[in-house]
């Protein structure tokens, strides 16, 4: 392959060929694979040539595979059509392997993975859509130290303890983690047909990514997530929750508690600071996200 050198592997060359375009690209699209053994991101989808205005922002979807449906297809059509580049970060698929053995994912490893996957992006122009309990948790950890243009949390069912409290272990805020984890495991073990997430018993041996995710969630009873020290309103945030199923009230409560965590008490009602939106099957989710971002950016 022409242009391949020891310092530039085939995987990087192929990635560059897929994403190359005659149009100028923002820094977020200059994503290079740091390992040939794992797919870091899906091929970035550029803005079509017939779109009148190309925006500097890019959208990265970080989505759980335990959902019965995916937002990837609709997002990959919508955002490029709106003038924004789109890519999908895959946390659980193609984990690094040693001697043909899959390394067990941990929160620490996945937190590093997310940081590495987005390390070549222009953080200030990146809007992350995190969909799923683990994905929402890791994305909140990410913005503790690195900025984003916007953060969308969809079904943040894991509620980390509040690391901003001076005396850990005091008060109800420090029970957030254990109670939300217990509720999540219970939901996954008895999900009904109308639940947005698969029942854990429906995840078969050939569904390795989903198995990895379920295994990680169960392991958090011992290897618990760390407290979240993120300051209120550190990044424009939208919280969404799946509706239309028997666990809707629980999803809504977790969404509202997450929104309240990201707000400042001194600034009034948290709904005015961090909107909480119900996701409906027939609703234009991507348009809702874009409208929210445009309003928050003004």
Protein backbone atom coordinates (compact mmCIF):
# COMPACT_ATOMS: atom_id res chain seq x y z
CA UNK A 1 0.00 0.00 0.00
CA UNK A 2 1.56 3.25 -1.12
CA UNK A 3 2.54 5.55 1.71
CA UNK A 4 2.72 2.86 4.39
CA UNK A 5 5.81 3.12 6.57
CA UNK A 6 6.78 1.49 9.88
CA UNK A 7 5.59 4.67 11.57
CA UNK A 8 2.28 4.73 9.72
CA UNK A 9 0.50 1.34 9.86
CA UNK A 10 -2.04 0.05 7.38
CA UNK A 11 -4.95 0.60 9.78
CA UNK A 12 -4.16 4.31 10.01
CA UNK A 13 -3.85 4.60 6.25
CA UNK A 14 -7.20 2.93 5.71
CA UNK A 15 -8.84 5.16 8.31
CA UNK A 16 -7.41 8.24 6.63
CA UNK A 17 -8.65 7.05 3.24
CA UNK A 18 -12.17 6.52 4.58
CA UNK A 19 -12.43 9.94 6.20
CA UNK A 20 -10.54 11.98 3.61
CA UNK A 21 -12.42 14.75 1.79
CA UNK A 22 -11.68 17.79 -0.28
CA UNK A 23 -13.45 19.93 2.28
CA UNK A 24 -11.64 21.46 5.23
CA UNK A 25 -12.07 19.39 8.39
CA UNK A 26 -12.21 20.50 12.01
CA UNK A 27 -9.69 18.93 14.37
CA UNK A 28 -12.23 16.47 15.74
CA UNK A 29 -12.05 14.45 12.55
CA UNK A 30 -8.32 13.93 12.69
CA UNK A 31 -8.80 10.69 14.61
CA UNK A 32 -6.04 8.10 14.30
CA UNK A 33 -6.08 4.56 15.63
CA UNK A 34 -3.67 4.06 18.49
CA UNK A 35 -3.95 0.28 18.24
CA UNK A 36 -4.67 -2.01 15.32
CA UNK A 37 -6.38 -4.50 17.67
CA UNK A 38 -9.40 -2.32 18.54
CA UNK A 39 -11.79 -0.19 16.55
CA UNK A 40 -11.58 3.23 18.21
CA UNK A 41 -14.41 4.92 16.37
CA UNK A 42 -16.59 4.21 13.41
CA UNK A 43 -15.59 5.99 10.22
CA UNK A 44 -16.35 9.67 10.64
CA UNK A 45 -19.23 10.83 8.48
CA UNK A 46 -18.48 14.20 6.86
CA UNK A 47 -20.90 16.92 5.91
CA UNK A 48 -22.40 16.28 2.44
CA UNK A 49 -21.27 18.61 -0.33
CA UNK A 50 -24.80 19.86 -0.93
CA UNK A 51 -25.16 21.22 2.63
CA UNK A 52 -24.99 25.01 2.42
CA UNK A 53 -23.17 25.62 5.72
CA UNK A 54 -20.61 23.45 7.50
CA UNK A 55 -20.51 24.01 11.24
CA UNK A 56 -17.39 23.69 13.42
CA UNK A 57 -19.08 21.32 15.88
CA UNK A 58 -18.95 17.55 15.67
CA UNK A 59 -21.17 15.00 17.40
CA UNK A 60 -19.84 11.83 19.04
CA UNK A 61 -22.36 9.12 20.00
CA UNK A 62 -21.28 6.88 22.90
CA UNK A 63 -24.04 4.28 23.07
CA UNK A 64 -24.75 1.11 25.04
CA UNK A 65 -25.40 -2.05 23.05
CA UNK A 66 -27.88 -3.45 25.56
CA UNK A 67 -30.61 -1.26 24.05
CA UNK A 68 -33.09 -2.95 21.78
CA UNK A 69 -32.58 -0.21 19.20
CA UNK A 70 -29.73 2.11 18.25
CA UNK A 71 -29.59 5.83 17.57
CA UNK A 72 -26.53 5.46 15.34
CA UNK A 73 -28.32 5.29 12.00
CA UNK A 74 -30.62 8.25 12.57
CA UNK A 75 -27.81 10.34 14.09
CA UNK A 76 -25.44 9.53 11.21
CA UNK A 77 -28.01 10.88 8.76
CA UNK A 78 -29.27 13.85 10.74
CA UNK A 79 -26.14 15.63 12.00
CA UNK A 80 -24.14 15.62 8.74
CA UNK A 81 -27.28 16.93 7.05
CA UNK A 82 -27.33 19.72 9.62
CA UNK A 83 -23.74 20.67 8.79
CA UNK A 84 -22.04 18.77 11.63
CA UNK A 85 -19.58 15.89 11.40
CA UNK A 86 -20.61 12.70 13.19
CA UNK A 87 -18.76 9.75 14.67
CA UNK A 88 -19.60 6.88 16.99
CA UNK A 89 -17.33 5.81 19.85
CA UNK A 90 -17.43 2.10 20.65
CA UNK A 91 -16.35 1.34 24.22
CA UNK A 92 -16.98 -2.39 24.52
CA UNK A 93 -16.39 -3.90 21.07
CA UNK A 94 -12.99 -5.23 20.07
CA UNK A 95 -11.38 -4.92 23.50
CA UNK A 96 -7.61 -5.14 23.57
CA UNK A 97 -6.54 -8.79 23.56
CA UNK A 98 -3.53 -10.59 24.93
CA UNK A 99 -2.83 -14.13 23.78
CA UNK A 100 -6.31 -14.38 22.31
CA UNK A 101 -7.93 -13.68 25.68
CA UNK A 102 -10.34 -10.79 26.07
CA UNK A 103 -9.34 -8.48 28.88
CA UNK A 104 -12.16 -7.80 31.32
CA UNK A 105 -13.41 -4.22 31.07
CA UNK A 106 -13.36 -2.06 34.19
CA UNK A 107 -14.53 1.48 34.78
CA UNK A 108 -10.94 2.61 35.02
CA UNK A 109 -9.99 1.02 31.69
CA UNK A 110 -13.06 2.38 29.93
CA UNK A 111 -12.51 5.86 31.33
CA UNK A 112 -9.02 5.78 29.80
CA UNK A 113 -10.45 4.38 26.56
CA UNK A 114 -12.95 7.22 26.23
CA UNK A 115 -10.26 9.82 26.89
CA UNK A 116 -7.99 8.19 24.30
CA UNK A 117 -10.77 7.90 21.75
CA UNK A 118 -11.55 11.60 22.00
CA UNK A 119 -7.96 12.76 22.56
CA UNK A 120 -7.56 14.00 18.97
CA UNK A 121 -10.80 15.94 19.00
CA UNK A 122 -11.29 19.65 19.45
CA UNK A 123 -13.03 19.19 22.80
CA UNK A 124 -14.52 22.66 22.80
CA UNK A 125 -16.39 21.86 19.57
CA UNK A 126 -17.47 18.32 20.48
CA UNK A 127 -20.99 17.41 21.57
CA UNK A 128 -21.09 14.00 23.26
CA UNK A 129 -24.34 12.04 23.30
CA UNK A 130 -23.98 9.37 25.98
CA UNK A 131 -26.77 6.79 25.89
CA UNK A 132 -26.81 4.14 28.60
CA UNK A 133 -25.88 3.91 32.32
CA UNK A 134 -22.15 3.17 31.92
CA UNK A 135 -21.79 5.60 29.02
CA UNK A 136 -23.41 8.44 30.98
CA UNK A 137 -21.25 7.75 34.03
CA UNK A 138 -17.99 7.73 32.04
CA UNK A 139 -18.94 10.88 30.13
CA UNK A 140 -19.50 12.72 33.41
CA UNK A 141 -16.10 11.55 34.63
CA UNK A 142 -14.63 12.82 31.35
CA UNK A 143 -15.84 16.39 31.81
CA UNK A 144 -14.36 16.60 35.29
CA UNK A 145 -11.07 17.53 33.62
CA UNK A 146 -11.76 18.16 29.93
CA UNK A 147 -14.24 20.56 28.28
CA UNK A 148 -16.99 19.77 25.79
CA UNK A 149 -19.27 21.98 23.74
CA UNK A 150 -22.23 20.04 25.09
CA UNK A 151 -23.14 16.85 26.96
CA UNK A 152 -26.33 14.87 26.42
CA UNK A 153 -27.04 12.17 29.02
CA UNK A 154 -29.65 9.60 27.97
CA UNK A 155 -30.83 7.24 30.74
CA UNK A 156 -28.22 8.05 33.42
CA UNK A 157 -29.40 5.23 35.68
CA UNK A 158 -26.15 5.01 37.67
CA UNK A 159 -25.93 7.87 40.16
CA UNK A 160 -22.39 8.42 41.43
CA UNK A 161 -21.84 9.61 44.97
CA UNK A 162 -21.29 13.34 45.40
CA UNK A 163 -17.54 13.93 45.68
CA UNK A 164 -18.12 17.61 46.43
CA UNK A 165 -19.30 16.86 49.99
CA UNK A 166 -16.63 17.55 52.60
CA UNK A 167 -17.50 14.58 54.77
CA UNK A 168 -18.02 11.47 52.61
CA UNK A 169 -20.48 8.98 53.98
CA UNK A 170 -22.69 11.60 55.62
CA UNK A 171 -26.19 12.18 54.33
CA UNK A 172 -28.42 10.59 51.71
CA UNK A 173 -26.29 11.87 48.83
CA UNK A 174 -23.72 9.18 49.64
CA UNK A 175 -26.25 6.35 49.11
CA UNK A 176 -26.92 7.33 45.49
CA UNK A 177 -24.50 4.80 44.05
CA UNK A 178 -25.53 1.63 45.87
CA UNK A 179 -29.28 2.17 45.50
CA UNK A 180 -29.13 3.11 41.81
CA UNK A 181 -26.86 0.15 41.01
CA UNK A 182 -29.18 -2.28 42.78
CA UNK A 183 -32.18 -0.89 40.89
CA UNK A 184 -30.35 -1.12 37.54
CA UNK A 185 -29.36 -4.77 38.05
CA UNK A 186 -32.94 -5.58 39.02
CA UNK A 187 -34.29 -3.90 35.86
CA UNK A 188 -31.85 -5.77 33.62
CA UNK A 189 -32.75 -9.10 35.26
CA UNK A 190 -36.48 -8.69 34.77
CA UNK A 191 -36.89 -6.35 31.81
CA UNK A 192 -40.21 -6.81 30.04
CA UNK A 193 -40.85 -6.74 26.31
CA UNK A 194 -41.55 -3.00 26.28
CA UNK A 195 -38.39 -2.06 28.18
CA UNK A 196 -35.85 -0.12 26.07
CA UNK A 197 -33.09 -2.43 27.36
CA UNK A 198 -32.72 -6.15 26.79
CA UNK A 199 -33.26 -8.61 29.62
CA UNK A 200 -29.88 -9.98 30.69
CA UNK A 201 -31.11 -13.53 29.96
CA UNK A 202 -31.60 -12.54 26.29
CA UNK A 203 -27.91 -11.74 25.87
CA UNK A 204 -26.42 -14.86 24.30
CA UNK A 205 -22.84 -16.14 24.11
CA UNK A 206 -22.25 -14.60 20.68
CA UNK A 207 -23.17 -11.11 21.96
CA UNK A 208 -19.75 -10.44 23.44
CA UNK A 209 -20.01 -6.65 23.73
CA UNK A 210 -23.32 -6.89 25.56
CA UNK A 211 -21.95 -9.61 27.84
CA UNK A 212 -18.97 -7.41 28.68
CA UNK A 213 -21.28 -4.56 29.60
CA UNK A 214 -23.59 -6.68 31.77
CA UNK A 215 -20.59 -8.24 33.48
CA UNK A 216 -19.15 -4.82 34.25
CA UNK A 217 -22.45 -3.57 35.69
CA UNK A 218 -22.65 -6.59 38.02
CA UNK A 219 -19.01 -6.19 39.07
CA UNK A 220 -19.69 -2.64 40.27
CA UNK A 221 -21.12 -4.05 43.50
CA UNK A 222 -17.49 -4.69 44.47
CA UNK A 223 -15.48 -2.40 42.20
CA UNK A 224 -17.68 0.64 42.74
CA UNK A 225 -17.51 3.82 40.71
CA UNK A 226 -15.71 6.76 42.22
CA UNK A 227 -17.47 9.83 43.51
CA UNK A 228 -18.14 12.58 40.99
CA UNK A 229 -16.49 15.91 41.75
CA UNK A 230 -17.79 17.78 38.72
CA UNK A 231 -18.77 21.34 39.50
CA UNK A 232 -22.33 22.47 38.67
CA UNK A 233 -22.86 23.87 35.16
CA UNK A 234 -19.33 22.91 34.09
CA UNK A 235 -20.65 22.13 30.60
CA UNK A 236 -24.02 22.73 28.89
CA UNK A 237 -25.98 19.58 29.73
CA UNK A 238 -29.23 18.01 28.54
CA UNK A 239 -30.70 14.98 30.32
CA UNK A 240 -33.09 12.62 28.53
CA UNK A 241 -34.88 9.46 29.65
CA UNK A 242 -36.68 6.66 27.82
CA UNK A 243 -40.45 6.64 28.23
CA UNK A 244 -43.35 4.41 27.36
CA UNK A 245 -42.46 1.37 29.49
CA UNK A 246 -43.12 0.01 32.97
CA UNK A 247 -39.92 1.48 34.42
CA UNK A 248 -40.55 4.98 33.10
CA UNK A 249 -41.01 6.54 36.54
CA UNK A 250 -37.66 5.17 37.69
CA UNK A 251 -35.91 6.41 34.54
CA UNK A 252 -37.48 9.85 35.04
CA UNK A 253 -36.42 10.06 38.70
CA UNK A 254 -32.82 9.15 37.82
CA UNK A 255 -32.84 11.77 35.06
CA UNK A 256 -34.13 14.45 37.42
CA UNK A 257 -31.62 13.55 40.14
CA UNK A 258 -28.83 13.70 37.56
CA UNK A 259 -30.01 17.10 36.34
CA UNK A 260 -30.13 18.45 39.90
CA UNK A 261 -26.53 17.29 40.45
CA UNK A 262 -25.39 19.46 37.53
CA UNK A 263 -27.13 22.61 38.72
CA UNK A 264 -26.39 25.34 41.21
CA UNK A 265 -28.87 25.80 44.05
CA UNK A 266 -28.24 29.54 44.00
CA UNK A 267 -29.44 29.81 40.39
CA UNK A 268 -33.02 28.66 40.96
CA UNK A 269 -35.01 25.78 39.45
CA UNK A 270 -32.73 23.06 38.02
CA UNK A 271 -35.10 22.56 35.07
CA UNK A 272 -34.12 26.06 33.94
CA UNK A 273 -30.43 25.12 34.07
CA UNK A 274 -30.44 21.49 32.87
CA UNK A 275 -33.53 20.45 30.87
CA UNK A 276 -34.98 16.98 31.40
CA UNK A 277 -36.71 15.57 28.30
CA UNK A 278 -38.69 12.38 27.86
CA UNK A 279 -37.72 10.27 24.85
CA UNK A 280 -40.73 9.03 22.90
CA UNK A 281 -40.68 6.49 20.08
CA UNK A 282 -42.16 8.91 17.56
CA UNK A 283 -40.22 11.98 18.70
CA UNK A 284 -37.42 13.55 16.61
CA UNK A 285 -34.65 12.98 19.18
CA UNK A 286 -31.84 14.43 17.09
CA UNK A 287 -33.76 17.61 16.31
CA UNK A 288 -34.50 18.00 20.03
CA UNK A 289 -30.78 17.73 20.79
CA UNK A 290 -29.80 20.20 18.07
CA UNK A 291 -32.45 22.72 19.15
CA UNK A 292 -31.27 22.47 22.75
CA UNK A 293 -27.62 22.93 21.79
CA UNK A 294 -28.31 25.94 19.57
CA UNK A 295 -30.32 27.56 22.35
CA UNK A 296 -27.69 26.84 25.02
CA UNK A 297 -24.90 28.18 22.79
CA UNK A 298 -26.57 31.57 22.33
